[in-house]
C-alpha atoms as a PDB file:
ATOM      1  CA  MET A   1      -0.010  -0.404  -0.009  1.00  0.00           C
ATOM      2  CA  ALA A   2       1.777   3.346  -1.039  1.00  0.00           C
ATOM      3  CA  SER A   3       1.511   5.965   1.496  1.00  0.00           C
ATOM      4  CA  ASP A   4      -0.170   9.744   0.850  1.00  0.00           C
ATOM      5  CA  ARG A   5       2.405  12.073  -0.385  1.00  0.00           C
ATOM      6  CA  LEU A   6       0.593  14.739   0.788  1.00  0.00           C
ATOM      7  CA  PHE A   7       0.042  13.261   4.474  1.00  0.00           C
ATOM      8  CA  ARG A   8       3.658  12.171   5.005  1.00  0.00           C
ATOM      9  CA  ALA A   9       4.709  15.890   3.754  1.00  0.00           C
ATOM     10  CA  LEU A  10       2.025  17.542   6.667  1.00  0.00           C
ATOM     11  CA  ALA A  11       3.776  14.473   9.353  1.00  0.00           C
ATOM     12  CA  ARG A  12       6.998  14.989   9.313  1.00  0.00           C
ATOM     13  CA  PRO A  13       9.172  16.999  11.354  1.00  0.00           C
ATOM     14  CA  GLN A  14      10.549  19.966  11.207  1.00  0.00           C
ATOM     15  CA  MET A  15      14.113  19.306   9.299  1.00  0.00           C
ATOM     16  CA  VAL A  16      17.736  20.647   9.311  1.00  0.00           C
ATOM     17  CA  ALA A  17      19.852  20.289   6.722  1.00  0.00           C
ATOM     18  CA  GLY A  18      18.409  15.946   6.648  1.00  0.00           C
ATOM     19  CA  VAL A  19      17.995  15.989  10.920  1.00  0.00           C
ATOM     20  CA  THR A  20      15.294  17.145  13.126  1.00  0.00           C
ATOM     21  CA  TYR A  21      15.855  20.829  14.402  1.00  0.00           C
ATOM     22  CA  PRO A  22      16.156  19.630  18.333  1.00  0.00           C
ATOM     23  CA  PHE A  23      19.043  17.125  16.603  1.00  0.00           C
ATOM     24  CA  PHE A  24      20.583  19.991  14.877  1.00  0.00           C
ATOM     25  CA  VAL A  25      21.112  21.708  18.335  1.00  0.00           C
ATOM     26  CA  LEU A  26      22.203  19.582  20.550  1.00  0.00           C
ATOM     27  CA  ASN A  27      24.785  18.824  17.295  1.00  0.00           C
ATOM     28  CA  GLY A  28      25.152  22.557  17.290  1.00  0.00           C
ATOM     29  CA  ILE A  29      26.015  22.568  21.230  1.00  0.00           C
ATOM     30  CA  VAL A  30      27.904  19.711  21.098  1.00  0.00           C
ATOM     31  CA  ALA A  31      30.314  20.983  18.479  1.00  0.00           C
ATOM     32  CA  ALA A  32      30.769  25.121  20.201  1.00  0.00           C
ATOM     33  CA  GLU A  33      31.412  23.108  23.252  1.00  0.00           C
ATOM     34  CA  LEU A  34      33.762  20.557  21.589  1.00  0.00           C
ATOM     35  CA  PHE A  35      35.221  23.785  19.837  1.00  0.00           C
ATOM     36  CA  LEU A  36      35.223  25.870  23.436  1.00  0.00           C
ATOM     37  CA  ILE A  37      37.326  23.057  25.321  1.00  0.00           C
ATOM     38  CA  PHE A  38      40.054  22.295  22.479  1.00  0.00           C
ATOM     39  CA  LYS A  39      40.529  25.452  20.768  1.00  0.00           C
ATOM     40  CA  SER A  40      40.867  24.171  17.543  1.00  0.00           C
ATOM     41  CA  ILE A  41      39.244  23.362  14.343  1.00  0.00           C
ATOM     42  CA  PHE A  42      39.816  19.703  14.421  1.00  0.00           C
ATOM     43  CA  ALA A  43      37.712  19.657  16.914  1.00  0.00           C
ATOM     44  CA  LEU A  44      34.848  19.887  14.934  1.00  0.00           C
ATOM     45  CA  LEU A  45      35.176  16.638  13.174  1.00  0.00           C
ATOM     46  CA  PRO A  46      33.628  14.740  15.851  1.00  0.00           C
ATOM     47  CA  PRO A  47      30.400  16.878  14.993  1.00  0.00           C
ATOM     48  CA  LEU A  48      30.211  16.168  11.635  1.00  0.00           C
ATOM     49  CA  LEU A  49      30.219  12.188  12.121  1.00  0.00           C
ATOM     50  CA  ILE A  50      27.853  12.936  14.362  1.00  0.00           C
ATOM     51  CA  HIS A  51      25.765  14.416  12.029  1.00  0.00           C
ATOM     52  CA  ALA A  52      26.395  11.579   9.218  1.00  0.00           C
ATOM     53  CA  LEU A  53      25.069   9.340  11.056  1.00  0.00           C
ATOM     54  CA  GLY A  54      21.585  11.135  12.289  1.00  0.00           C
ATOM     55  CA  TYR A  55      21.363  11.922   8.403  1.00  0.00           C
ATOM     56  CA  ALA A  56      21.285   8.023   7.881  1.00  0.00           C
ATOM     57  CA  ALA A  57      19.264   7.355  10.565  1.00  0.00           C
ATOM     58  CA  HIS A  58      16.839   9.952  10.290  1.00  0.00           C
ATOM     59  CA  LEU A  59      16.634   8.980   6.250  1.00  0.00           C
ATOM     60  CA  ARG A  60      15.238   5.876   7.691  1.00  0.00           C
ATOM     61  CA  ASP A  61      12.319   7.827  10.143  1.00  0.00           C
ATOM     62  CA  PRO A  62      12.068  11.105  10.777  1.00  0.00           C
ATOM     63  CA  HIS A  63      11.006  10.893  14.215  1.00  0.00           C
ATOM     64  CA  ILE A  64      14.090   9.066  15.408  1.00  0.00           C
ATOM     65  CA  MET A  65      14.709  11.693  17.764  1.00  0.00           C
ATOM     66  CA  ALA A  66      10.753  11.485  18.565  1.00  0.00           C
ATOM     67  CA  VAL A  67      10.867   8.002  19.200  1.00  0.00           C
ATOM     68  CA  TRP A  68      14.053   7.594  21.313  1.00  0.00           C
ATOM     69  CA  LEU A  69      13.266   9.660  23.842  1.00  0.00           C
ATOM     70  CA  THR A  70       9.836   8.642  24.594  1.00  0.00           C
ATOM     71  CA  ARG A  71      12.026   5.264  24.960  1.00  0.00           C
ATOM     72  CA  LEU A  72      14.105   6.661  27.398  1.00  0.00           C
ATOM     73  CA  ARG A  73      11.114   8.169  29.359  1.00  0.00           C
ATOM     74  CA  ARG A  74       8.489   5.365  29.226  1.00  0.00           C
ATOM     75  CA  VAL A  75      11.479   2.627  30.163  1.00  0.00           C
ATOM     76  CA  PRO A  76      11.478   1.617  33.397  1.00  0.00           C
ATOM     77  CA  ARG A  77      14.939   1.027  35.534  1.00  0.00           C
ATOM     78  CA  VAL A  78      15.687  -2.207  35.429  1.00  0.00           C
ATOM     79  CA  PRO A  79      17.449  -4.207  38.719  1.00  0.00           C
ATOM     80  CA  ASN A  80      21.014  -4.860  36.751  1.00  0.00           C
ATOM     81  CA  ARG A  81      21.204  -1.007  35.622  1.00  0.00           C
ATOM     82  CA  SER A  82      23.692  -0.515  38.493  1.00  0.00           C
ATOM     83  CA  LEU A  83      25.669  -3.422  36.606  1.00  0.00           C
ATOM     84  CA  TRP A  84      25.702  -2.535  33.556  1.00  0.00           C
ATOM     85  CA  GLY A  85      25.001   0.863  33.416  1.00  0.00           C
ATOM     86  CA  ALA A  86      22.070   1.392  31.001  1.00  0.00           C
ATOM     87  CA  ASN A  87      19.082   0.130  30.781  1.00  0.00           C
ATOM     88  CA  VAL A  88      19.255  -3.331  29.728  1.00  0.00           C
ATOM     89  CA  TYR A  89      16.164  -5.873  28.963  1.00  0.00           C
ATOM     90  CA  ARG A  90      14.910  -7.699  26.427  1.00  0.00           C
ATOM     91  CA  PRO A  91      13.069  -6.537  23.054  1.00  0.00           C
END
């Protein structure tokens, strides 16, 4: 079943340079902090890599940031969180 192009265009979040606006702003903050800490133009390379990874993820699903943030908020803490340092669960 083909999706309606108009619906997809209206349901798509605001995008800047192929990623959502919140991702773009967060990446800009990371780039600025790295540049201020290291005082080198080479400190801008990691944010370029982060942007490329975000671009690839947003190509597949433009709502990936919203899904990820909702998952972080809604997934309860598990008992072995202190052992692994993160929420480890079975999918």
